[in-house]
Protein backbone atom coordinates (compact mmCIF):
# COMPACT_ATOMS: atom_id res chain seq x y z
CA MET A 1 33.58 -1.24 -11.15
CA ILE A 2 33.62 -0.66 -7.39
CA LEU A 3 33.65 -4.42 -6.66
CA TYR A 4 36.73 -5.12 -8.78
CA PRO A 5 40.27 -4.70 -7.47
CA ASN A 6 42.98 -3.16 -9.60
CA MET A 7 45.01 -6.32 -9.04
CA LEU A 8 44.38 -9.86 -7.82
CA LEU A 9 47.28 -11.82 -6.27
CA ASP A 10 47.69 -15.00 -4.24
CA SER A 11 49.48 -13.33 -1.31
CA VAL A 12 50.81 -10.01 -0.02
CA THR A 13 54.29 -11.42 -0.60
CA GLU A 14 53.65 -11.29 -4.37
CA ILE A 15 53.56 -7.49 -4.16
CA THR A 16 56.97 -6.31 -5.26
CA PRO A 17 58.59 -2.88 -5.20
CA GLU A 18 58.58 -3.06 -9.03
CA ILE A 19 54.79 -3.50 -9.11
CA LEU A 20 54.39 -0.58 -6.72
CA TYR A 21 56.78 1.71 -8.63
CA LYS A 22 55.12 0.82 -11.94
CA ASN A 23 51.76 1.89 -10.46
CA GLN A 24 53.23 4.93 -8.64
CA ILE A 25 52.36 3.51 -5.21
CA ASN A 26 54.25 4.96 -2.23
CA GLY A 27 52.16 3.53 0.62
CA LEU A 28 50.22 0.40 1.49
CA ILE A 29 47.18 0.16 3.74
CA LEU A 30 47.15 -3.42 4.99
CA ASP A 31 44.41 -5.63 6.37
CA VAL A 32 45.35 -8.07 9.16
CA ASP A 33 43.11 -11.14 9.39
CA ASN A 34 43.79 -13.65 6.62
CA THR A 35 46.02 -11.10 4.87
CA LEU A 36 49.01 -10.77 7.23
CA ILE A 37 48.10 -13.41 9.82
CA ASN A 38 46.31 -16.73 9.89
CA LYS A 39 43.45 -17.65 12.21
CA LYS A 40 45.93 -18.71 14.91
CA GLN A 41 47.34 -15.16 14.71
CA GLU A 42 50.68 -16.38 13.34
CA ILE A 43 52.82 -14.25 11.04
CA SER A 44 54.86 -16.24 8.54
CA GLU A 45 58.55 -15.59 7.97
CA ASN A 46 57.66 -14.78 4.34
CA VAL A 47 55.40 -11.94 5.51
CA LYS A 48 58.06 -10.68 7.94
CA ASN A 49 60.66 -10.66 5.16
CA TRP A 50 58.23 -8.99 2.76
CA VAL A 51 57.59 -6.19 5.28
CA LYS A 52 61.37 -5.66 5.61
CA GLN A 53 61.66 -5.50 1.83
CA MET A 54 58.87 -2.92 1.56
CA LYS A 55 60.43 -0.77 4.28
CA SER A 56 63.89 -1.00 2.69
CA ASN A 57 62.31 0.34 -0.51
CA ASN A 58 60.76 3.28 1.37
CA ILE A 59 57.20 2.01 1.01
CA LYS A 60 55.00 3.42 3.77
CA LEU A 61 52.95 0.79 5.62
CA TYR A 62 49.89 1.11 7.84
CA ILE A 63 47.51 -1.52 9.23
CA LEU A 64 43.79 -0.80 8.96
CA SER A 65 41.65 -3.49 10.56
CA ASN A 66 37.97 -3.89 11.33
CA THR A 67 38.68 -6.13 14.30
CA ASN A 68 37.63 -5.13 17.77
CA ASP A 69 40.47 -7.27 19.17
CA LYS A 70 42.92 -4.44 19.80
CA LYS A 71 45.37 -6.79 21.53
CA LYS A 72 45.65 -8.92 18.36
CA VAL A 73 46.25 -5.95 16.04
CA LYS A 74 48.67 -4.36 18.49
CA LYS A 75 50.70 -7.61 18.59
CA VAL A 76 50.92 -7.68 14.78
CA SER A 77 51.75 -3.98 14.75
CA GLU A 78 54.56 -4.40 17.27
CA THR A 79 55.95 -7.56 15.63
CA LEU A 80 56.12 -5.89 12.20
CA SER A 81 56.76 -2.32 13.46
CA ILE A 82 53.79 -0.97 11.51
CA PRO A 83 51.34 1.54 13.03
CA TYR A 84 47.68 0.55 13.11
CA ILE A 85 44.05 1.53 13.44
CA ASN A 86 41.55 -1.07 14.64
CA LEU A 87 37.75 -0.80 14.56
CA ALA A 88 38.20 0.87 11.17
CA LYS A 89 34.62 0.29 9.96
CA LYS A 90 35.72 -0.59 6.43
CA PRO A 91 34.33 0.01 3.77
CA PHE A 92 33.51 3.45 5.21
CA LYS A 93 36.04 6.03 4.05
CA THR A 94 37.08 7.43 7.44
CA GLY A 95 39.95 5.04 8.24
CA PHE A 96 41.34 5.09 4.71
CA LEU A 97 41.32 8.89 4.60
CA LYS A 98 42.94 9.09 8.04
CA VAL A 99 45.83 6.94 6.84
CA GLN A 100 46.06 8.97 3.63
CA LYS A 101 46.48 12.10 5.74
CA ILE A 102 49.17 10.39 7.85
CA PHE A 103 50.97 9.25 4.67
CA GLN A 104 50.64 12.75 3.13
CA GLU A 105 50.07 11.12 -0.26
CA GLU A 106 47.53 11.53 -3.03
CA SER A 107 44.93 8.75 -3.02
CA GLY A 108 46.25 7.39 -6.33
CA ASN A 109 49.66 6.80 -4.72
CA ILE A 110 48.22 4.51 -2.03
CA ALA A 111 47.25 0.86 -2.40
CA VAL A 112 44.81 -0.97 -0.16
CA VAL A 113 45.71 -4.63 0.35
CA GLY A 114 43.28 -7.15 1.79
CA ASP A 115 41.47 -10.44 1.35
CA GLN A 116 37.89 -9.15 1.24
CA ILE A 117 36.00 -7.39 -1.54
CA PHE A 118 33.24 -6.02 0.68
CA THR A 119 35.60 -4.25 3.09
CA ASP A 120 39.06 -3.71 1.60
CA VAL A 121 38.33 -3.40 -2.14
CA ILE A 122 35.11 -1.39 -1.89
CA GLY A 123 36.60 0.91 0.76
CA GLY A 124 39.79 1.50 -1.21
CA ASN A 125 37.90 2.03 -4.48
CA ARG A 126 35.53 4.51 -2.82
CA CYS A 127 38.61 6.53 -1.80
CA ASN A 128 40.12 6.31 -5.32
CA MET A 129 43.02 4.21 -4.07
CA PHE A 130 44.69 1.35 -5.94
CA THR A 131 43.22 -1.92 -4.63
CA ILE A 132 44.99 -5.26 -4.39
CA LEU A 133 42.89 -8.27 -3.46
CA VAL A 134 44.82 -11.24 -2.11
CA GLU A 135 43.63 -14.75 -1.53
CA PRO A 136 42.89 -15.52 2.14
CA ILE A 137 45.80 -17.20 3.95
CA GLU A 138 43.43 -19.89 5.23
CA LYS A 139 40.21 -21.33 3.89
CA LYS A 140 38.84 -21.72 7.42
CA GLU A 141 36.89 -18.53 8.07
CA TYR A 142 35.38 -16.57 10.90
CA TRP A 143 31.58 -16.95 10.92
CA TYR A 144 31.07 -13.29 9.94
CA THR A 145 33.20 -13.70 6.81
CA ARG A 146 32.16 -17.18 5.69
CA TRP A 147 28.82 -16.14 4.12
CA LYS A 148 30.50 -13.55 1.85
CA ARG A 149 33.08 -15.85 0.27
CA PRO A 150 30.79 -17.52 -2.34
CA ILE A 151 29.69 -14.06 -3.53
CA GLU A 152 33.31 -12.88 -3.63
CA ASP A 153 34.26 -15.98 -5.64
CA ILE A 154 31.68 -15.06 -8.29
CA ILE A 155 33.05 -11.51 -8.47
CA LYS A 156 36.66 -12.76 -8.64
CA ASN A 157 35.80 -15.14 -11.49
CA LYS A 158 34.13 -12.32 -13.44
CA TYR A 159 37.16 -10.12 -12.77
CA LYS A 160 39.53 -12.82 -14.05
CA LYS A 161 37.42 -13.26 -17.20
CA SER A 162 37.42 -9.50 -17.82
CA GLU A 163 41.24 -9.42 -17.43
CA ILE A 164 41.62 -12.30 -19.92
CA THR A 165 39.37 -10.43 -22.36
CA LYS A 166 41.45 -7.24 -21.96
CA GLU A 167 44.71 -9.17 -22.59
CA SER A 168 43.40 -10.85 -25.74
CA ASN A 169 42.28 -7.55 -27.31
């Protein structure tokens, strides 16, 4: 289903090289807000260390953000040494396909990581990429995201139930 991620985790830092190798993932397309940074635009040491780990395992990384705040994304990009595209217009395919071309990878070898179903998961699924939904870093939301969270919670609960059903069969 286009609304369901391939994987649901608490944080980007739970993504391990082993998970990526098991799923034949060579590159990650990363969201910024509430995925890599909090609302105060802080990057945790855990995220910084995780990025180093991904790079040391030859995992390609690229930031794809819908934000119009180029300065914010550029700061994250420079701090983590990851290239970026802002104003990506997710869930439209354009940004995802642009990164795929840069990566020179098949869509099935790329994972999209983000905290929103209606941008990250739908966009990644529309491009036949592996999707990893993470819990938002903070519960405090931007006004334009807040209204979607109750709907996303319903979808996440249905996803979790479907995963439990799959495991018990």
